[in-house]
Amino acid sequence: MTIYLYVKTHQITGLKYLGKTTKNPHTYLGSGVDWKLHLKEYGIDHKTEIIKECQSNAELNKWGRYYSNLWNVVESKEWANRIPETGGGQCLPETAKKISAKLKGRKKPIRTTEHTVNLSNANKGIQRPRTAEHQKAWNESSKKNWDNNPGRKQKVSALGKSNAGRKHTVETLEKKRQAMLKYWQTKRSQVV
């Protein structure tokens, strides 16, 4: 298995990233936290240069450390690496200090109040209201999934036939009613 050691350079900002992958390095975007944030903010327009094609993790570790030190990728503001590229994703205590120094003064992503509310609601299980276009797309997708799954139709049909003519007792109907009341009361309290 070939492990590619590569350098990615952002075409607009010039920021660089030293990384490794076993995937196609020209289509793989990279996994560094700062690099991914940079791509999200400035777009994915970048070029990739393959530095080494390694045949083992030991070889990758050797060359990753070599280029990390040569270009000073952790401390330099020209690079998006937080740690040296060793293939392992671990960092030594002295590297952690370098990372801390490099990150000082960087601005954090801005979160709007609306974004914070949406995150909070999502964590509470409350969905955002759907727009008419969103609801239409949702309905079309559901219909398409239903139409393209004949096995699903057969299961639902068989279930309906097996329950045909079945009479529920008064106790069962009351339990169902109580369960539905409890469900809707819980839903209502979450929205408020």
C-alpha atoms as a PDB file:
ATOM      1  CA  MET A   1       0.000   0.000   0.000  1.00  0.00           C
ATOM      2  CA  THR A   2       1.358   3.389  -1.017  1.00  0.00           C
ATOM      3  CA  ILE A   3       1.165   6.255   1.462  1.00  0.00           C
ATOM      4  CA  TYR A   4       1.477   9.650  -0.206  1.00  0.00           C
ATOM      5  CA  LEU A   5       3.235  12.491   1.577  1.00  0.00           C
ATOM      6  CA  TYR A   6       2.005  15.713  -0.021  1.00  0.00           C
ATOM      7  CA  VAL A   7       1.998  19.488   0.188  1.00  0.00           C
ATOM      8  CA  LYS A   8      -1.213  21.347  -0.563  1.00  0.00           C
ATOM      9  CA  THR A   9      -1.043  25.063  -1.370  1.00  0.00           C
ATOM     10  CA  HIS A  10      -4.159  27.227  -1.358  1.00  0.00           C
ATOM     11  CA  GLN A  11      -4.376  29.047  -4.690  1.00  0.00           C
ATOM     12  CA  ILE A  12      -5.922  32.228  -3.235  1.00  0.00           C
ATOM     13  CA  THR A  13      -4.187  32.680   0.128  1.00  0.00           C
ATOM     14  CA  GLY A  14      -0.960  30.717  -0.363  1.00  0.00           C
ATOM     15  CA  LEU A  15      -1.399  28.818   2.931  1.00  0.00           C
ATOM     16  CA  LYS A  16       0.293  25.402   2.815  1.00  0.00           C
ATOM     17  CA  TYR A  17      -0.463  22.061   4.432  1.00  0.00           C
ATOM     18  CA  LEU A  18       1.805  19.013   4.777  1.00  0.00           C
ATOM     19  CA  GLY A  19      -0.203  15.813   4.952  1.00  0.00           C
ATOM     20  CA  LYS A  20      -0.424  12.123   4.131  1.00  0.00           C
ATOM     21  CA  THR A  21      -3.041   9.845   2.615  1.00  0.00           C
ATOM     22  CA  THR A  22      -3.515   6.420   1.090  1.00  0.00           C
ATOM     23  CA  LYS A  23      -6.296   7.847  -1.122  1.00  0.00           C
ATOM     24  CA  ASN A  24      -5.830   9.817  -4.317  1.00  0.00           C
ATOM     25  CA  PRO A  25      -3.876  12.849  -3.016  1.00  0.00           C
ATOM     26  CA  HIS A  26      -5.217  15.095  -5.786  1.00  0.00           C
ATOM     27  CA  THR A  27      -8.869  14.559  -4.823  1.00  0.00           C
ATOM     28  CA  TYR A  28      -8.355  14.097  -1.062  1.00  0.00           C
ATOM     29  CA  LEU A  29      -8.739  17.518   0.605  1.00  0.00           C
ATOM     30  CA  GLY A  30      -6.703  16.856   3.760  1.00  0.00           C
ATOM     31  CA  SER A  31      -7.668  16.339   7.395  1.00  0.00           C
ATOM     32  CA  GLY A  32      -5.877  19.028   9.404  1.00  0.00           C
ATOM     33  CA  VAL A  33      -8.237  21.071  11.578  1.00  0.00           C
ATOM     34  CA  ASP A  34      -6.864  24.478  10.574  1.00  0.00           C
ATOM     35  CA  TRP A  35      -6.533  23.429   6.930  1.00  0.00           C
ATOM     36  CA  LYS A  36     -10.174  22.281   6.773  1.00  0.00           C
ATOM     37  CA  LEU A  37     -11.342  25.526   8.421  1.00  0.00           C
ATOM     38  CA  HIS A  38      -9.268  27.477   5.897  1.00  0.00           C
ATOM     39  CA  LEU A  39     -10.849  25.583   2.977  1.00  0.00           C
ATOM     40  CA  LYS A  40     -14.292  26.211   4.433  1.00  0.00           C
ATOM     41  CA  GLU A  41     -13.642  29.946   4.702  1.00  0.00           C
ATOM     42  CA  TYR A  42     -11.705  30.561   1.468  1.00  0.00           C
ATOM     43  CA  GLY A  43     -12.846  27.720  -0.801  1.00  0.00           C
ATOM     44  CA  ILE A  44     -11.181  24.496  -1.888  1.00  0.00           C
ATOM     45  CA  ASP A  45      -9.130  25.932  -4.769  1.00  0.00           C
ATOM     46  CA  HIS A  46      -5.674  24.454  -4.107  1.00  0.00           C
ATOM     47  CA  LYS A  47      -2.879  22.538  -5.805  1.00  0.00           C
ATOM     48  CA  THR A  48      -1.270  19.322  -4.585  1.00  0.00           C
ATOM     49  CA  GLU A  49       2.365  18.321  -4.905  1.00  0.00           C
ATOM     50  CA  ILE A  50       3.378  14.763  -4.010  1.00  0.00           C
ATOM     51  CA  ILE A  51       6.649  14.850  -2.032  1.00  0.00           C
ATOM     52  CA  LYS A  52       7.170  11.120  -1.362  1.00  0.00           C
ATOM     53  CA  GLU A  53       5.460   7.815  -2.060  1.00  0.00           C
ATOM     54  CA  CYS A  54       6.117   5.740   1.048  1.00  0.00           C
ATOM     55  CA  GLN A  55       5.654   1.967   1.330  1.00  0.00           C
ATOM     56  CA  SER A  56       5.442   1.756   5.140  1.00  0.00           C
ATOM     57  CA  ASN A  57       4.449   3.803   8.171  1.00  0.00           C
ATOM     58  CA  ALA A  58       8.074   3.832   9.321  1.00  0.00           C
ATOM     59  CA  GLU A  59       9.167   5.377   6.017  1.00  0.00           C
ATOM     60  CA  LEU A  60       6.345   7.914   6.199  1.00  0.00           C
ATOM     61  CA  ASN A  61       7.287   8.782   9.782  1.00  0.00           C
ATOM     62  CA  LYS A  62      10.925   9.364   8.753  1.00  0.00           C
ATOM     63  CA  TRP A  63      10.143  11.595   5.781  1.00  0.00           C
ATOM     64  CA  GLY A  64       7.206  13.339   7.485  1.00  0.00           C
ATOM     65  CA  ARG A  65       9.431  14.387  10.377  1.00  0.00           C
ATOM     66  CA  TYR A  66      12.188  15.424   7.987  1.00  0.00           C
ATOM     67  CA  TYR A  67       9.958  17.781   5.963  1.00  0.00           C
ATOM     68  CA  SER A  68       8.094  18.997   9.057  1.00  0.00           C
ATOM     69  CA  ASN A  69      11.415  20.114  10.555  1.00  0.00           C
ATOM     70  CA  LEU A  70      12.862  21.372   7.263  1.00  0.00           C
ATOM     71  CA  TRP A  71       9.920  23.699   6.628  1.00  0.00           C
ATOM     72  CA  ASN A  72       9.080  24.329  10.304  1.00  0.00           C
ATOM     73  CA  VAL A  73       5.415  23.541   9.563  1.00  0.00           C
ATOM     74  CA  VAL A  74       4.225  23.790  13.170  1.00  0.00           C
ATOM     75  CA  GLU A  75       5.594  27.225  14.047  1.00  0.00           C
ATOM     76  CA  SER A  76       5.420  28.912  10.657  1.00  0.00           C
ATOM     77  CA  LYS A  77       2.354  31.021   9.857  1.00  0.00           C
ATOM     78  CA  GLU A  78       2.736  29.893   6.222  1.00  0.00           C
ATOM     79  CA  TRP A  79       1.595  26.389   7.169  1.00  0.00           C
ATOM     80  CA  ALA A  80      -1.737  25.103   8.531  1.00  0.00           C
ATOM     81  CA  ASN A  81      -0.183  22.163  10.422  1.00  0.00           C
ATOM     82  CA  ARG A  82      -0.673  22.004  14.185  1.00  0.00           C
ATOM     83  CA  ILE A  83       1.641  19.027  14.602  1.00  0.00           C
ATOM     84  CA  PRO A  84       4.495  17.518  12.578  1.00  0.00           C
ATOM     85  CA  GLU A  85       3.357  15.028   9.955  1.00  0.00           C
ATOM     86  CA  THR A  86       4.415  11.668  11.386  1.00  0.00           C
ATOM     87  CA  GLY A  87       1.527   9.539  10.236  1.00  0.00           C
ATOM     88  CA  GLY A  88       0.408   8.972  13.824  1.00  0.00           C
ATOM     89  CA  GLY A  89      -1.446  12.125  14.775  1.00  0.00           C
ATOM     90  CA  GLN A  90       0.266  12.362  18.186  1.00  0.00           C
ATOM     91  CA  CYS A  91       2.308  15.266  19.444  1.00  0.00           C
ATOM     92  CA  LEU A  92       5.068  15.612  21.998  1.00  0.00           C
ATOM     93  CA  PRO A  93       4.852  18.114  24.907  1.00  0.00           C
ATOM     94  CA  GLU A  94       7.291  20.522  23.217  1.00  0.00           C
ATOM     95  CA  THR A  95       5.156  20.367  20.068  1.00  0.00           C
ATOM     96  CA  ALA A  96       2.051  21.181  22.128  1.00  0.00           C
ATOM     97  CA  LYS A  97       3.782  24.363  23.344  1.00  0.00           C
ATOM     98  CA  LYS A  98       4.616  25.315  19.756  1.00  0.00           C
ATOM     99  CA  ILE A  99       0.991  24.740  18.735  1.00  0.00           C
ATOM    100  CA  SER A 100      -0.234  26.941  21.581  1.00  0.00           C
ATOM    101  CA  ALA A 101       2.149  29.735  20.581  1.00  0.00           C
ATOM    102  CA  LYS A 102       1.123  29.451  16.921  1.00  0.00           C
ATOM    103  CA  LEU A 103      -2.600  29.670  17.730  1.00  0.00           C
ATOM    104  CA  LYS A 104      -2.300  32.751  19.957  1.00  0.00           C
ATOM    105  CA  GLY A 105      -3.839  35.772  18.341  1.00  0.00           C
ATOM    106  CA  ARG A 106      -5.848  33.796  15.797  1.00  0.00           C
ATOM    107  CA  LYS A 107      -9.439  34.830  15.519  1.00  0.00           C
ATOM    108  CA  LYS A 108     -12.029  32.238  16.385  1.00  0.00           C
ATOM    109  CA  PRO A 109     -14.914  31.534  13.986  1.00  0.00           C
ATOM    110  CA  ILE A 110     -17.818  33.903  14.603  1.00  0.00           C
ATOM    111  CA  ARG A 111     -21.098  32.290  15.579  1.00  0.00           C
ATOM    112  CA  THR A 112     -24.211  34.335  15.133  1.00  0.00           C
ATOM    113  CA  THR A 113     -27.040  34.239  17.650  1.00  0.00           C
ATOM    114  CA  GLU A 114     -29.209  32.499  15.049  1.00  0.00           C
ATOM    115  CA  HIS A 115     -26.542  29.816  14.559  1.00  0.00           C
ATOM    116  CA  THR A 116     -26.259  29.280  18.322  1.00  0.00           C
ATOM    117  CA  VAL A 117     -30.052  28.975  18.682  1.00  0.00           C
ATOM    118  CA  ASN A 118     -30.202  26.472  15.802  1.00  0.00           C
ATOM    119  CA  LEU A 119     -27.458  24.355  17.415  1.00  0.00           C
ATOM    120  CA  SER A 120     -29.232  24.498  20.758  1.00  0.00           C
ATOM    121  CA  ASN A 121     -32.561  23.476  19.220  1.00  0.00           C
ATOM    122  CA  ALA A 122     -30.939  20.662  17.266  1.00  0.00           C
ATOM    123  CA  ASN A 123     -29.430  19.309  20.479  1.00  0.00           C
ATOM    124  CA  LYS A 124     -32.849  19.458  22.137  1.00  0.00           C
ATOM    125  CA  GLY A 125     -34.442  17.575  19.240  1.00  0.00           C
ATOM    126  CA  ILE A 126     -36.383  20.594  17.953  1.00  0.00           C
ATOM    127  CA  GLN A 127     -36.341  20.923  14.190  1.00  0.00           C
ATOM    128  CA  ARG A 128     -36.169  24.171  12.299  1.00  0.00           C
ATOM    129  CA  PRO A 129     -39.388  24.979  10.452  1.00  0.00           C
ATOM    130  CA  ARG A 130     -39.191  23.805   6.855  1.00  0.00           C
ATOM    131  CA  THR A 131     -39.704  26.171   3.973  1.00  0.00           C
ATOM    132  CA  ALA A 132     -42.269  25.283   1.323  1.00  0.00           C
ATOM    133  CA  GLU A 133     -39.462  24.360  -1.103  1.00  0.00           C
ATOM    134  CA  HIS A 134     -37.790  22.172   1.515  1.00  0.00           C
ATOM    135  CA  GLN A 135     -41.069  20.401   2.321  1.00  0.00           C
ATOM    136  CA  LYS A 136     -41.750  19.817  -1.390  1.00  0.00           C
ATOM    137  CA  ALA A 137     -38.267  18.340  -1.929  1.00  0.00           C
ATOM    138  CA  TRP A 138     -38.712  16.185   1.182  1.00  0.00           C
ATOM    139  CA  ASN A 139     -42.055  14.852  -0.069  1.00  0.00           C
ATOM    140  CA  GLU A 140     -40.662  14.093  -3.538  1.00  0.00           C
ATOM    141  CA  SER A 141     -37.658  12.295  -2.036  1.00  0.00           C
ATOM    142  CA  SER A 142     -39.903  10.212   0.245  1.00  0.00           C
ATOM    143  CA  LYS A 143     -42.188   9.293  -2.658  1.00  0.00           C
ATOM    144  CA  LYS A 144     -39.191   8.365  -4.817  1.00  0.00           C
ATOM    145  CA  ASN A 145     -37.770   6.155  -2.045  1.00  0.00           C
ATOM    146  CA  TRP A 146     -41.154   4.505  -1.587  1.00  0.00           C
ATOM    147  CA  ASP A 147     -41.614   3.896  -5.319  1.00  0.00           C
ATOM    148  CA  ASN A 148     -38.103   2.459  -5.720  1.00  0.00           C
ATOM    149  CA  ASN A 149     -38.496  -0.059  -2.885  1.00  0.00           C
ATOM    150  CA  PRO A 150     -41.077  -2.740  -3.780  1.00  0.00           C
ATOM    151  CA  GLY A 151     -40.005  -4.932  -0.837  1.00  0.00           C
ATOM    152  CA  ARG A 152     -41.028  -2.157   1.542  1.00  0.00           C
ATOM    153  CA  LYS A 153     -44.465  -1.939  -0.047  1.00  0.00           C
ATOM    154  CA  GLN A 154     -44.945  -5.711   0.327  1.00  0.00           C
ATOM    155  CA  LYS A 155     -43.979  -5.640   4.015  1.00  0.00           C
ATOM    156  CA  VAL A 156     -46.404  -2.810   4.782  1.00  0.00           C
ATOM    157  CA  SER A 157     -49.138  -4.516   2.781  1.00  0.00           C
ATOM    158  CA  ALA A 158     -48.564  -7.844   4.575  1.00  0.00           C
ATOM    159  CA  LEU A 159     -48.629  -6.106   7.952  1.00  0.00           C
ATOM    160  CA  GLY A 160     -51.950  -4.443   7.098  1.00  0.00           C
ATOM    161  CA  LYS A 161     -53.455  -7.765   6.004  1.00  0.00           C
ATOM    162  CA  SER A 162     -52.309  -9.551   9.145  1.00  0.00           C
ATOM    163  CA  ASN A 163     -54.027  -6.907  11.295  1.00  0.00           C
ATOM    164  CA  ALA A 164     -57.192  -6.774   9.150  1.00  0.00           C
ATOM    165  CA  GLY A 165     -60.337  -7.310  11.185  1.00  0.00           C
ATOM    166  CA  ARG A 166     -58.432  -7.221  14.461  1.00  0.00           C
ATOM    167  CA  LYS A 167     -60.360  -5.678  17.347  1.00  0.00           C
ATOM    168  CA  HIS A 168     -58.564  -3.873  20.160  1.00  0.00           C
ATOM    169  CA  THR A 169     -59.801  -4.165  23.719  1.00  0.00           C
ATOM    170  CA  VAL A 170     -60.975  -1.091  25.591  1.00  0.00           C
ATOM    171  CA  GLU A 171     -57.868  -1.279  27.793  1.00  0.00           C
ATOM    172  CA  THR A 172     -55.521  -1.345  24.775  1.00  0.00           C
ATOM    173  CA  LEU A 173     -57.294   1.617  23.167  1.00  0.00           C
ATOM    174  CA  GLU A 174     -57.020   3.588  26.427  1.00  0.00           C
ATOM    175  CA  LYS A 175     -53.286   2.777  26.698  1.00  0.00           C
ATOM    176  CA  LYS A 176     -52.754   3.986  23.124  1.00  0.00           C
ATOM    177  CA  ARG A 177     -54.695   7.183  23.826  1.00  0.00           C
ATOM    178  CA  GLN A 178     -52.680   7.901  26.989  1.00  0.00           C
ATOM    179  CA  ALA A 179     -49.399   7.252  25.167  1.00  0.00           C
ATOM    180  CA  MET A 180     -50.344   9.670  22.381  1.00  0.00           C
ATOM    181  CA  LEU A 181     -51.417  12.345  24.874  1.00  0.00           C
ATOM    182  CA  LYS A 182     -48.111  12.004  26.716  1.00  0.00           C
ATOM    183  CA  TYR A 183     -46.166  12.151  23.426  1.00  0.00           C
ATOM    184  CA  TRP A 184     -47.870  15.362  22.267  1.00  0.00           C
ATOM    185  CA  GLN A 185     -47.574  17.027  25.665  1.00  0.00           C
ATOM    186  CA  THR A 186     -43.825  16.333  25.629  1.00  0.00           C
ATOM    187  CA  LYS A 187     -43.517  17.695  22.090  1.00  0.00           C
ATOM    188  CA  ARG A 188     -45.467  20.831  23.003  1.00  0.00           C
ATOM    189  CA  SER A 189     -43.296  21.498  26.090  1.00  0.00           C
ATOM    190  CA  GLN A 190     -40.107  21.202  23.973  1.00  0.00           C
ATOM    191  CA  VAL A 191     -41.289  23.805  21.489  1.00  0.00           C
ATOM    192  CA  VAL A 192     -42.126  26.337  24.211  1.00  0.00           C
END
